[in-house]
Amino acid sequence: MNDPSMNGSLSNSRKTSTLAIVSLVAGLLGWTLLPWLGSFGAIITGHMARAEIRRSAGAIDGNGLAIAGLVLGWGSIIITILGILIAVMFFGGIAALLAWLGFSGQLG
């Protein structure tokens, strides 16, 4: 009955940063519904959330959420850029190979 964790006081609870939550949600959206927009939103709000959490001197929580949003945002952008580079190199390599074999512009 005298459990100190059940005293009904919320004075020791820390507020979770809203920007950190937005960063995580935007990062998830960056992988699903809004690829570039969600990723950029996750990166921007993730950095803003981490700055807010550092300035709060321990009053605001959510650093892990902000980091997760940053990782999701940057990961999506990096994978997209690498995919584009691989596609350009692949098709450029095929074009160079065909040109080297003498098939440049001759389809028939």
PDB file of N, CA and C in Angstrom:
ATOM      1  N   MET A   1       0.800  -1.200   0.000  1.00  0.00           N
ATOM      2  CA  MET A   1       0.000   0.000   0.000  1.00  0.00           C
ATOM      3  C   MET A   1       0.844   1.266   0.000  1.00  0.00           C
ATOM      4  N   ASN A   2       1.989   1.230   0.631  1.00  0.00           N
ATOM      5  CA  ASN A   2       2.843   2.409   0.686  1.00  0.00           C
ATOM      6  C   ASN A   2       3.962   2.331  -0.338  1.00  0.00           C
ATOM      7  N   ASP A   3       3.615   2.039  -1.555  1.00  0.00           N
ATOM      8  CA  ASP A   3       4.596   1.949  -2.635  1.00  0.00           C
ATOM      9  C   ASP A   3       4.967   3.359  -3.071  1.00  0.00           C
ATOM     10  N   PRO A   4       6.269   3.721  -3.000  1.00  0.00           N
ATOM     11  CA  PRO A   4       6.644   5.097  -3.371  1.00  0.00           C
ATOM     12  C   PRO A   4       6.445   5.405  -4.847  1.00  0.00           C
ATOM     13  N   SER A   5       6.397   4.391  -5.679  1.00  0.00           N
ATOM     14  CA  SER A   5       6.186   4.662  -7.101  1.00  0.00           C
ATOM     15  C   SER A   5       4.724   4.953  -7.414  1.00  0.00           C
ATOM     16  N   MET A   6       3.842   4.716  -6.492  1.00  0.00           N
ATOM     17  CA  MET A   6       2.410   4.927  -6.710  1.00  0.00           C
ATOM     18  C   MET A   6       1.888   6.102  -5.883  1.00  0.00           C
ATOM     19  N   ASN A   7       2.710   7.102  -5.639  1.00  0.00           N
ATOM     20  CA  ASN A   7       2.275   8.201  -4.780  1.00  0.00           C
ATOM     21  C   ASN A   7       1.418   9.233  -5.499  1.00  0.00           C
ATOM     22  N   GLY A   8       1.228   9.098  -6.810  1.00  0.00           N
ATOM     23  CA  GLY A   8       0.356  10.006  -7.541  1.00  0.00           C
ATOM     24  C   GLY A   8       1.020  11.301  -7.941  1.00  0.00           C
ATOM     25  N   SER A   9       2.278  11.482  -7.626  1.00  0.00           N
ATOM     26  CA  SER A   9       2.980  12.706  -7.959  1.00  0.00           C
ATOM     27  C   SER A   9       3.655  12.574  -9.315  1.00  0.00           C
ATOM     28  N   LEU A  10       3.491  13.576 -10.147  1.00  0.00           N
ATOM     29  CA  LEU A  10       4.122  13.590 -11.456  1.00  0.00           C
ATOM     30  C   LEU A  10       5.266  14.601 -11.510  1.00  0.00           C
ATOM     31  N   SER A  11       5.745  15.035 -10.363  1.00  0.00           N
ATOM     32  CA  SER A  11       6.771  16.062 -10.339  1.00  0.00           C
ATOM     33  C   SER A  11       8.115  15.557 -10.849  1.00  0.00           C
ATOM     34  N   ASN A  12       8.371  14.256 -10.778  1.00  0.00           N
ATOM     35  CA  ASN A  12       9.647  13.712 -11.219  1.00  0.00           C
ATOM     36  C   ASN A  12       9.635  13.284 -12.676  1.00  0.00           C
ATOM     37  N   SER A  13       8.497  13.351 -13.337  1.00  0.00           N
ATOM     38  CA  SER A  13       8.438  12.906 -14.724  1.00  0.00           C
ATOM     39  C   SER A  13       9.011  13.979 -15.644  1.00  0.00           C
ATOM     40  N   ARG A  14       9.660  13.510 -16.708  1.00  0.00           N
ATOM     41  CA  ARG A  14      10.246  14.419 -17.681  1.00  0.00           C
ATOM     42  C   ARG A  14       9.389  14.441 -18.930  1.00  0.00           C
ATOM     43  N   LYS A  15       9.291  15.605 -19.526  1.00  0.00           N
ATOM     44  CA  LYS A  15       8.506  15.790 -20.745  1.00  0.00           C
ATOM     45  C   LYS A  15       9.304  15.276 -21.935  1.00  0.00           C
ATOM     46  N   THR A  16       8.635  14.574 -22.846  1.00  0.00           N
ATOM     47  CA  THR A  16       9.281  14.113 -24.070  1.00  0.00           C
ATOM     48  C   THR A  16       9.179  15.207 -25.125  1.00  0.00           C
ATOM     49  N   SER A  17      10.274  15.440 -25.802  1.00  0.00           N
ATOM     50  CA  SER A  17      10.326  16.488 -26.818  1.00  0.00           C
ATOM     51  C   SER A  17       9.370  16.174 -27.970  1.00  0.00           C
ATOM     52  N   THR A  18       8.527  17.121 -28.296  1.00  0.00           N
ATOM     53  CA  THR A  18       7.613  16.971 -29.421  1.00  0.00           C
ATOM     54  C   THR A  18       8.380  16.893 -30.734  1.00  0.00           C
ATOM     55  N   LEU A  19       9.453  17.649 -30.841  1.00  0.00           N
ATOM     56  CA  LEU A  19      10.267  17.607 -32.058  1.00  0.00           C
ATOM     57  C   LEU A  19      10.906  16.236 -32.262  1.00  0.00           C
ATOM     58  N   ALA A  20      11.261  15.571 -31.176  1.00  0.00           N
ATOM     59  CA  ALA A  20      11.838  14.230 -31.288  1.00  0.00           C
ATOM     60  C   ALA A  20      10.800  13.240 -31.814  1.00  0.00           C
ATOM     61  N   ILE A  21       9.574  13.369 -31.350  1.00  0.00           N
ATOM     62  CA  ILE A  21       8.500  12.498 -31.834  1.00  0.00           C
ATOM     63  C   ILE A  21       8.231  12.778 -33.307  1.00  0.00           C
ATOM     64  N   VAL A  22       8.193  14.060 -33.675  1.00  0.00           N
ATOM     65  CA  VAL A  22       7.974  14.427 -35.077  1.00  0.00           C
ATOM     66  C   VAL A  22       9.105  13.889 -35.947  1.00  0.00           C
ATOM     67  N   SER A  23      10.331  13.934 -35.448  1.00  0.00           N
ATOM     68  CA  SER A  23      11.471  13.411 -36.202  1.00  0.00           C
ATOM     69  C   SER A  23      11.329  11.915 -36.461  1.00  0.00           C
ATOM     70  N   LEU A  24      10.931  11.171 -35.447  1.00  0.00           N
ATOM     71  CA  LEU A  24      10.752   9.729 -35.614  1.00  0.00           C
ATOM     72  C   LEU A  24       9.633   9.419 -36.604  1.00  0.00           C
ATOM     73  N   VAL A  25       8.513  10.109 -36.477  1.00  0.00           N
ATOM     74  CA  VAL A  25       7.384   9.878 -37.386  1.00  0.00           C
ATOM     75  C   VAL A  25       7.759  10.268 -38.813  1.00  0.00           C
ATOM     76  N   ALA A  26       8.441  11.399 -38.977  1.00  0.00           N
ATOM     77  CA  ALA A  26       8.861  11.825 -40.312  1.00  0.00           C
ATOM     78  C   ALA A  26       9.869  10.840 -40.901  1.00  0.00           C
ATOM     79  N   GLY A  27      10.753  10.296 -40.065  1.00  0.00           N
ATOM     80  CA  GLY A  27      11.701   9.298 -40.543  1.00  0.00           C
ATOM     81  C   GLY A  27      11.006   8.042 -41.038  1.00  0.00           C
ATOM     82  N   LEU A  28       9.975   7.625 -40.329  1.00  0.00           N
ATOM     83  CA  LEU A  28       9.198   6.467 -40.786  1.00  0.00           C
ATOM     84  C   LEU A  28       8.448   6.789 -42.076  1.00  0.00           C
ATOM     85  N   LEU A  29       7.919   7.992 -42.176  1.00  0.00           N
ATOM     86  CA  LEU A  29       7.246   8.400 -43.408  1.00  0.00           C
ATOM     87  C   LEU A  29       8.225   8.501 -44.573  1.00  0.00           C
ATOM     88  N   GLY A  30       9.477   8.838 -44.268  1.00  0.00           N
ATOM     89  CA  GLY A  30      10.498   8.913 -45.296  1.00  0.00           C
ATOM     90  C   GLY A  30      10.788   7.562 -45.937  1.00  0.00           C
ATOM     91  N   TRP A  31      10.512   6.492 -45.227  1.00  0.00           N
ATOM     92  CA  TRP A  31      10.716   5.147 -45.774  1.00  0.00           C
ATOM     93  C   TRP A  31       9.457   4.597 -46.421  1.00  0.00           C
ATOM     94  N   THR A  32       8.305   5.241 -46.199  1.00  0.00           N
ATOM     95  CA  THR A  32       7.043   4.665 -46.688  1.00  0.00           C
ATOM     96  C   THR A  32       6.315   5.601 -47.648  1.00  0.00           C
ATOM     97  N   LEU A  33       5.664   6.614 -47.139  1.00  0.00           N
ATOM     98  CA  LEU A  33       4.735   7.413 -47.941  1.00  0.00           C
ATOM     99  C   LEU A  33       5.350   8.659 -48.568  1.00  0.00           C
ATOM    100  N   LEU A  34       6.293   9.285 -47.896  1.00  0.00           N
ATOM    101  CA  LEU A  34       6.866  10.557 -48.365  1.00  0.00           C
ATOM    102  C   LEU A  34       8.388  10.455 -48.415  1.00  0.00           C
ATOM    103  N   PRO A  35       8.941   9.758 -49.404  1.00  0.00           N
ATOM    104  CA  PRO A  35      10.368   9.439 -49.369  1.00  0.00           C
ATOM    105  C   PRO A  35      11.315  10.612 -49.129  1.00  0.00           C
ATOM    106  N   TRP A  36      11.352  11.616 -49.959  1.00  0.00           N
ATOM    107  CA  TRP A  36      12.316  12.690 -49.742  1.00  0.00           C
ATOM    108  C   TRP A  36      11.819  13.700 -48.721  1.00  0.00           C
ATOM    109  N   LEU A  37      10.561  14.051 -48.774  1.00  0.00           N
ATOM    110  CA  LEU A  37      10.006  15.047 -47.861  1.00  0.00           C
ATOM    111  C   LEU A  37      10.093  14.578 -46.412  1.00  0.00           C
ATOM    112  N   GLY A  38       9.704  13.338 -46.166  1.00  0.00           N
ATOM    113  CA  GLY A  38       9.774  12.802 -44.807  1.00  0.00           C
ATOM    114  C   GLY A  38      11.193  12.711 -44.289  1.00  0.00           C
ATOM    115  N   SER A  39      12.123  12.343 -45.164  1.00  0.00           N
ATOM    116  CA  SER A  39      13.519  12.213 -44.748  1.00  0.00           C
ATOM    117  C   SER A  39      14.115  13.564 -44.376  1.00  0.00           C
ATOM    118  N   PHE A  40      13.880  14.572 -45.202  1.00  0.00           N
ATOM    119  CA  PHE A  40      14.391  15.906 -44.870  1.00  0.00           C
ATOM    120  C   PHE A  40      13.728  16.443 -43.603  1.00  0.00           C
ATOM    121  N   GLY A  41      12.441  16.183 -43.447  1.00  0.00           N
ATOM    122  CA  GLY A  41      11.763  16.596 -42.221  1.00  0.00           C
ATOM    123  C   GLY A  41      12.333  15.915 -40.992  1.00  0.00           C
ATOM    124  N   ALA A  42      12.662  14.636 -41.112  1.00  0.00           N
ATOM    125  CA  ALA A  42      13.244  13.902 -39.993  1.00  0.00           C
ATOM    126  C   ALA A  42      14.614  14.452 -39.620  1.00  0.00           C
ATOM    127  N   ILE A  43      15.404  14.796 -40.623  1.00  0.00           N
ATOM    128  CA  ILE A  43      16.748  15.315 -40.354  1.00  0.00           C
ATOM    129  C   ILE A  43      16.669  16.687 -39.683  1.00  0.00           C
ATOM    130  N   ILE A  44      15.832  17.554 -40.219  1.00  0.00           N
ATOM    131  CA  ILE A  44      15.723  18.907 -39.670  1.00  0.00           C
ATOM    132  C   ILE A  44      15.175  18.872 -38.245  1.00  0.00           C
ATOM    133  N   THR A  45      14.059  18.180 -38.039  1.00  0.00           N
ATOM    134  CA  THR A  45      13.466  18.158 -36.699  1.00  0.00           C
ATOM    135  C   THR A  45      14.307  17.344 -35.718  1.00  0.00           C
ATOM    136  N   GLY A  46      15.043  16.353 -36.212  1.00  0.00           N
ATOM    137  CA  GLY A  46      15.927  15.591 -35.330  1.00  0.00           C
ATOM    138  C   GLY A  46      17.040  16.452 -34.763  1.00  0.00           C
ATOM    139  N   HIS A  47      17.659  17.266 -35.610  1.00  0.00           N
ATOM    140  CA  HIS A  47      18.702  18.174 -35.126  1.00  0.00           C
ATOM    141  C   HIS A  47      18.125  19.236 -34.201  1.00  0.00           C
ATOM    142  N   MET A  48      16.941  19.735 -34.531  1.00  0.00           N
ATOM    143  CA  MET A  48      16.297  20.729 -33.659  1.00  0.00           C
ATOM    144  C   MET A  48      15.957  20.120 -32.302  1.00  0.00           C
ATOM    145  N   ALA A  49      15.480  18.873 -32.308  1.00  0.00           N
ATOM    146  CA  ALA A  49      15.115  18.202 -31.057  1.00  0.00           C
ATOM    147  C   ALA A  49      16.344  17.962 -30.188  1.00  0.00           C
ATOM    148  N   ARG A  50      17.442  17.534 -30.800  1.00  0.00           N
ATOM    149  CA  ARG A  50      18.660  17.282 -30.010  1.00  0.00           C
ATOM    150  C   ARG A  50      19.180  18.579 -29.392  1.00  0.00           C
ATOM    151  N   ALA A  51      19.097  19.675 -30.138  1.00  0.00           N
ATOM    152  CA  ALA A  51      19.521  20.969 -29.579  1.00  0.00           C
ATOM    153  C   ALA A  51      18.602  21.383 -28.431  1.00  0.00           C
ATOM    154  N   GLU A  52      17.303  21.172 -28.603  1.00  0.00           N
ATOM    155  CA  GLU A  52      16.341  21.506 -27.549  1.00  0.00           C
ATOM    156  C   GLU A  52      16.596  20.677 -26.293  1.00  0.00           C
ATOM    157  N   ILE A  53      16.887  19.400 -26.472  1.00  0.00           N
ATOM    158  CA  ILE A  53      17.130  18.512 -25.331  1.00  0.00           C
ATOM    159  C   ILE A  53      18.418  18.910 -24.610  1.00  0.00           C
ATOM    160  N   ARG A  54      19.468  19.245 -25.351  1.00  0.00           N
ATOM    161  CA  ARG A  54      20.723  19.686 -24.724  1.00  0.00           C
ATOM    162  C   ARG A  54      20.527  20.985 -23.950  1.00  0.00           C
ATOM    163  N   ARG A  55      19.760  21.921 -24.511  1.00  0.00           N
ATOM    164  CA  ARG A  55      19.529  23.202 -23.830  1.00  0.00           C
ATOM    165  C   ARG A  55      18.671  23.062 -22.580  1.00  0.00           C
ATOM    166  N   SER A  56      17.862  22.009 -22.501  1.00  0.00           N
ATOM    167  CA  SER A  56      16.929  21.892 -21.384  1.00  0.00           C
ATOM    168  C   SER A  56      17.590  21.432 -20.092  1.00  0.00           C
ATOM    169  N   ALA A  57      18.830  21.006 -20.137  1.00  0.00           N
ATOM    170  CA  ALA A  57      19.576  20.564 -18.949  1.00  0.00           C
ATOM    171  C   ALA A  57      18.866  19.422 -18.220  1.00  0.00           C
ATOM    172  N   GLY A  58      18.350  18.483 -18.979  1.00  0.00           N
ATOM    173  CA  GLY A  58      17.740  17.296 -18.381  1.00  0.00           C
ATOM    174  C   GLY A  58      16.251  17.383 -18.136  1.00  0.00           C
ATOM    175  N   ALA A  59      15.626  18.494 -18.440  1.00  0.00           N
ATOM    176  CA  ALA A  59      14.191  18.635 -18.203  1.00  0.00           C
ATOM    177  C   ALA A  59      13.360  17.988 -19.304  1.00  0.00           C
ATOM    178  N   ILE A  60      13.949  17.830 -20.502  1.00  0.00           N
ATOM    179  CA  ILE A  60      13.224  17.254 -21.628  1.00  0.00           C
ATOM    180  C   ILE A  60      13.919  15.961 -22.038  1.00  0.00           C
ATOM    181  N   ASP A  61      13.120  14.934 -22.295  1.00  0.00           N
ATOM    182  CA  ASP A  61      13.616  13.630 -22.701  1.00  0.00           C
ATOM    183  C   ASP A  61      13.315  13.420 -24.181  1.00  0.00           C
ATOM    184  N   GLY A  62      13.866  12.371 -24.768  1.00  0.00           N
ATOM    185  CA  GLY A  62      13.550  12.043 -26.151  1.00  0.00           C
ATOM    186  C   GLY A  62      14.746  12.020 -27.069  1.00  0.00           C
ATOM    187  N   ASN A  63      15.955  11.995 -26.502  1.00  0.00           N
ATOM    188  CA  ASN A  63      17.155  11.996 -27.330  1.00  0.00           C
ATOM    189  C   ASN A  63      17.208  10.751 -28.219  1.00  0.00           C
ATOM    190  N   GLY A  64      16.795   9.612 -27.696  1.00  0.00           N
ATOM    191  CA  GLY A  64      16.782   8.386 -28.493  1.00  0.00           C
ATOM    192  C   GLY A  64      15.811   8.463 -29.660  1.00  0.00           C
ATOM    193  N   LEU A  65      14.667   9.087 -29.441  1.00  0.00           N
ATOM    194  CA  LEU A  65      13.700   9.260 -30.529  1.00  0.00           C
ATOM    195  C   LEU A  65      14.272  10.162 -31.620  1.00  0.00           C
ATOM    196  N   ALA A  66      14.948  11.229 -31.195  1.00  0.00           N
ATOM    197  CA  ALA A  66      15.547  12.148 -32.165  1.00  0.00           C
ATOM    198  C   ALA A  66      16.644  11.459 -32.963  1.00  0.00           C
ATOM    199  N   ILE A  67      17.455  10.657 -32.298  1.00  0.00           N
ATOM    200  CA  ILE A  67      18.525   9.937 -32.988  1.00  0.00           C
ATOM    201  C   ILE A  67      17.933   8.918 -33.958  1.00  0.00           C
ATOM    202  N   ALA A  68      16.883   8.240 -33.548  1.00  0.00           N
ATOM    203  CA  ALA A  68      16.232   7.275 -34.447  1.00  0.00           C
ATOM    204  C   ALA A  68      15.685   7.980 -35.687  1.00  0.00           C
ATOM    205  N   GLY A  69      15.081   9.148 -35.515  1.00  0.00           N
ATOM    206  CA  GLY A  69      14.594   9.917 -36.656  1.00  0.00           C
ATOM    207  C   GLY A  69      15.720  10.356 -37.569  1.00  0.00           C
ATOM    208  N   LEU A  70      16.840  10.778 -36.979  1.00  0.00           N
ATOM    209  CA  LEU A  70      18.001  11.168 -37.780  1.00  0.00           C
ATOM    210  C   LEU A  70      18.553   9.989 -38.573  1.00  0.00           C
ATOM    211  N   VAL A  71      18.661   8.838 -37.928  1.00  0.00           N
ATOM    212  CA  VAL A  71      19.190   7.651 -38.613  1.00  0.00           C
ATOM    213  C   VAL A  71      18.264   7.237 -39.752  1.00  0.00           C
ATOM    214  N   LEU A  72      16.969   7.253 -39.507  1.00  0.00           N
ATOM    215  CA  LEU A  72      16.016   6.896 -40.570  1.00  0.00           C
ATOM    216  C   LEU A  72      16.077   7.896 -41.722  1.00  0.00           C
ATOM    217  N   GLY A  73      16.143   9.178 -41.405  1.00  0.00           N
ATOM    218  CA  GLY A  73      16.195  10.201 -42.447  1.00  0.00           C
ATOM    219  C   GLY A  73      17.458  10.123 -43.280  1.00  0.00           C
ATOM    220  N   TRP A  74      18.613  10.104 -42.608  1.00  0.00           N
ATOM    221  CA  TRP A  74      19.880  10.031 -43.343  1.00  0.00           C
ATOM    222  C   TRP A  74      20.017   8.702 -44.081  1.00  0.00           C
ATOM    223  N   GLY A  75      19.556   7.621 -43.459  1.00  0.00           N
ATOM    224  CA  GLY A  75      19.638   6.314 -44.115  1.00  0.00           C
ATOM    225  C   GLY A  75      18.851   6.276 -45.407  1.00  0.00           C
ATOM    226  N   SER A  76      17.656   6.822 -45.396  1.00  0.00           N
ATOM    227  CA  SER A  76      16.829   6.849 -46.598  1.00  0.00           C
ATOM    228  C   SER A  76      17.479   7.669 -47.709  1.00  0.00           C
ATOM    229  N   ILE A  77      18.022   8.822 -47.350  1.00  0.00           N
ATOM    230  CA  ILE A  77      18.654   9.676 -48.355  1.00  0.00           C
ATOM    231  C   ILE A  77      19.917   9.025 -48.915  1.00  0.00           C
ATOM    232  N   ILE A  78      20.742   8.463 -48.054  1.00  0.00           N
ATOM    233  CA  ILE A  78      21.985   7.829 -48.509  1.00  0.00           C
ATOM    234  C   ILE A  78      21.691   6.635 -49.407  1.00  0.00           C
ATOM    235  N   ILE A  79      20.734   5.809 -49.034  1.00  0.00           N
ATOM    236  CA  ILE A  79      20.400   4.644 -49.858  1.00  0.00           C
ATOM    237  C   ILE A  79      19.834   5.077 -51.209  1.00  0.00           C
ATOM    238  N   THR A  80      19.028   6.126 -51.229  1.00  0.00           N
ATOM    239  CA  THR A  80      18.493   6.626 -52.495  1.00  0.00           C
ATOM    240  C   THR A  80      19.607   7.148 -53.403  1.00  0.00           C
ATOM    241  N   ILE A  81      20.522   7.932 -52.843  1.00  0.00           N
ATOM    242  CA  ILE A  81      21.627   8.466 -53.645  1.00  0.00           C
ATOM    243  C   ILE A  81      22.514   7.336 -54.160  1.00  0.00           C
ATOM    244  N   LEU A  82      22.816   6.354 -53.305  1.00  0.00           N
ATOM    245  CA  LEU A  82      23.618   5.216 -53.754  1.00  0.00           C
ATOM    246  C   LEU A  82      22.908   4.427 -54.848  1.00  0.00           C
ATOM    247  N   GLY A  83      21.603   4.261 -54.723  1.00  0.00           N
ATOM    248  CA  GLY A  83      20.836   3.565 -55.760  1.00  0.00           C
ATOM    249  C   GLY A  83      20.885   4.283 -57.092  1.00  0.00           C
ATOM    250  N   ILE A  84      20.772   5.608 -57.055  1.00  0.00           N
ATOM    251  CA  ILE A  84      20.855   6.389 -58.295  1.00  0.00           C
ATOM    252  C   ILE A  84      22.246   6.273 -58.906  1.00  0.00           C
ATOM    253  N   LEU A  85      23.285   6.379 -58.078  1.00  0.00           N
ATOM    254  CA  LEU A  85      24.653   6.248 -58.586  1.00  0.00           C
ATOM    255  C   LEU A  85      24.910   4.868 -59.182  1.00  0.00           C
ATOM    256  N   ILE A  86      24.420   3.835 -58.543  1.00  0.00           N
ATOM    257  CA  ILE A  86      24.594   2.478 -59.068  1.00  0.00           C
ATOM    258  C   ILE A  86      23.868   2.323 -60.401  1.00  0.00           C
ATOM    259  N   ALA A  87      22.657   2.857 -60.503  1.00  0.00           N
ATOM    260  CA  ALA A  87      21.909   2.765 -61.764  1.00  0.00           C
ATOM    261  C   ALA A  87      22.625   3.515 -62.878  1.00  0.00           C
ATOM    262  N   VAL A  88      23.137   4.717 -62.585  1.00  0.00           N
ATOM    263  CA  VAL A  88      23.857   5.493 -63.603  1.00  0.00           C
ATOM    264  C   VAL A  88      25.127   4.762 -64.021  1.00  0.00           C
ATOM    265  N   MET A  89      25.852   4.227 -63.063  1.00  0.00           N
ATOM    266  CA  MET A  89      27.075   3.500 -63.399  1.00  0.00           C
ATOM    267  C   MET A  89      26.773   2.233 -64.193  1.00  0.00           C
ATOM    268  N   PHE A  90      25.690   1.543 -63.843  1.00  0.00           N
ATOM    269  CA  PHE A  90      25.325   0.312 -64.554  1.00  0.00           C
ATOM    270  C   PHE A  90      24.976   0.611 -66.009  1.00  0.00           C
ATOM    271  N   PHE A  91      24.047   1.569 -66.208  1.00  0.00           N
ATOM    272  CA  PHE A  91      23.638   1.876 -67.573  1.00  0.00           C
ATOM    273  C   PHE A  91      24.739   2.589 -68.350  1.00  0.00           C
ATOM    274  N   GLY A  92      25.545   3.389 -67.661  1.00  0.00           N
ATOM    275  CA  GLY A  92      26.694   4.001 -68.312  1.00  0.00           C
ATOM    276  C   GLY A  92      27.719   2.952 -68.722  1.00  0.00           C
ATOM    277  N   GLY A  93      27.883   1.941 -67.897  1.00  0.00           N
ATOM    278  CA  GLY A  93      28.794   0.849 -68.233  1.00  0.00           C
ATOM    279  C   GLY A  93      28.305   0.049 -69.424  1.00  0.00           C
ATOM    280  N   ILE A  94      27.003  -0.176 -69.480  1.00  0.00           N
ATOM    281  CA  ILE A  94      26.444  -0.885 -70.639  1.00  0.00           C
ATOM    282  C   ILE A  94      26.639  -0.052 -71.901  1.00  0.00           C
ATOM    283  N   ALA A  95      26.402   1.265 -71.814  1.00  0.00           N
ATOM    284  CA  ALA A  95      26.592   2.135 -72.977  1.00  0.00           C
ATOM    285  C   ALA A  95      28.047   2.152 -73.412  1.00  0.00           C
ATOM    286  N   ALA A  96      28.971   2.210 -72.449  1.00  0.00           N
ATOM    287  CA  ALA A  96      30.398   2.202 -72.791  1.00  0.00           C
ATOM    288  C   ALA A  96      30.797   0.873 -73.424  1.00  0.00           C
ATOM    289  N   LEU A  97      30.256  -0.223 -72.894  1.00  0.00           N
ATOM    290  CA  LEU A  97      30.557  -1.539 -73.461  1.00  0.00           C
ATOM    291  C   LEU A  97      30.034  -1.656 -74.893  1.00  0.00           C
ATOM    292  N   LEU A  98      28.814  -1.199 -75.121  1.00  0.00           N
ATOM    293  CA  LEU A  98      28.246  -1.250 -76.473  1.00  0.00           C
ATOM    294  C   LEU A  98      29.023  -0.355 -77.433  1.00  0.00           C
ATOM    295  N   ALA A  99      29.459   0.807 -76.956  1.00  0.00           N
ATOM    296  CA  ALA A  99      30.257   1.696 -77.807  1.00  0.00           C
ATOM    297  C   ALA A  99      31.598   1.058 -78.123  1.00  0.00           C
ATOM    298  N   TRP A 100      32.178   0.389 -77.155  1.00  0.00           N
ATOM    299  CA  TRP A 100      33.466  -0.272 -77.351  1.00  0.00           C
ATOM    300  C   TRP A 100      33.342  -1.429 -78.352  1.00  0.00           C
ATOM    301  N   LEU A 101      32.183  -2.098 -78.326  1.00  0.00           N
ATOM    302  CA  LEU A 101      31.934  -3.209 -79.250  1.00  0.00           C
ATOM    303  C   LEU A 101      31.504  -2.705 -80.630  1.00  0.00           C
ATOM    304  N   GLY A 102      31.246  -1.419 -80.769  1.00  0.00           N
ATOM    305  CA  GLY A 102      30.894  -0.852 -82.057  1.00  0.00           C
ATOM    306  C   GLY A 102      29.404  -0.795 -82.315  1.00  0.00           C
ATOM    307  N   PHE A 103      28.584  -0.885 -81.305  1.00  0.00           N
ATOM    308  CA  PHE A 103      27.131  -0.844 -81.476  1.00  0.00           C
ATOM    309  C   PHE A 103      26.554   0.513 -81.120  1.00  0.00           C
ATOM    310  N   SER A 104      27.276   1.567 -81.293  1.00  0.00           N
ATOM    311  CA  SER A 104      26.797   2.879 -80.862  1.00  0.00           C
ATOM    312  C   SER A 104      25.724   3.402 -81.829  1.00  0.00           C
ATOM    313  N   GLY A 105      24.501   3.476 -81.360  1.00  0.00           N
ATOM    314  CA  GLY A 105      23.400   4.033 -82.127  1.00  0.00           C
ATOM    315  C   GLY A 105      22.837   3.148 -83.213  1.00  0.00           C
ATOM    316  N   GLN A 106      23.255   1.938 -83.318  1.00  0.00           N
ATOM    317  CA  GLN A 106      22.761   1.037 -84.380  1.00  0.00           C
ATOM    318  C   GLN A 106      21.859  -0.017 -83.748  1.00  0.00           C
ATOM    319  N   LEU A 107      20.575   0.183 -83.889  1.00  0.00           N
ATOM    320  CA  LEU A 107      19.636  -0.774 -83.316  1.00  0.00           C
ATOM    321  C   LEU A 107      19.201  -1.823 -84.327  1.00  0.00           C
ATOM    322  N   GLY A 108      19.342  -1.620 -85.584  1.00  0.00           N
ATOM    323  CA  GLY A 108      18.810  -2.545 -86.575  1.00  0.00           C
ATOM    324  C   GLY A 108      19.866  -3.303 -87.219  1.00  0.00           C
TER     325      GLY A 108
END
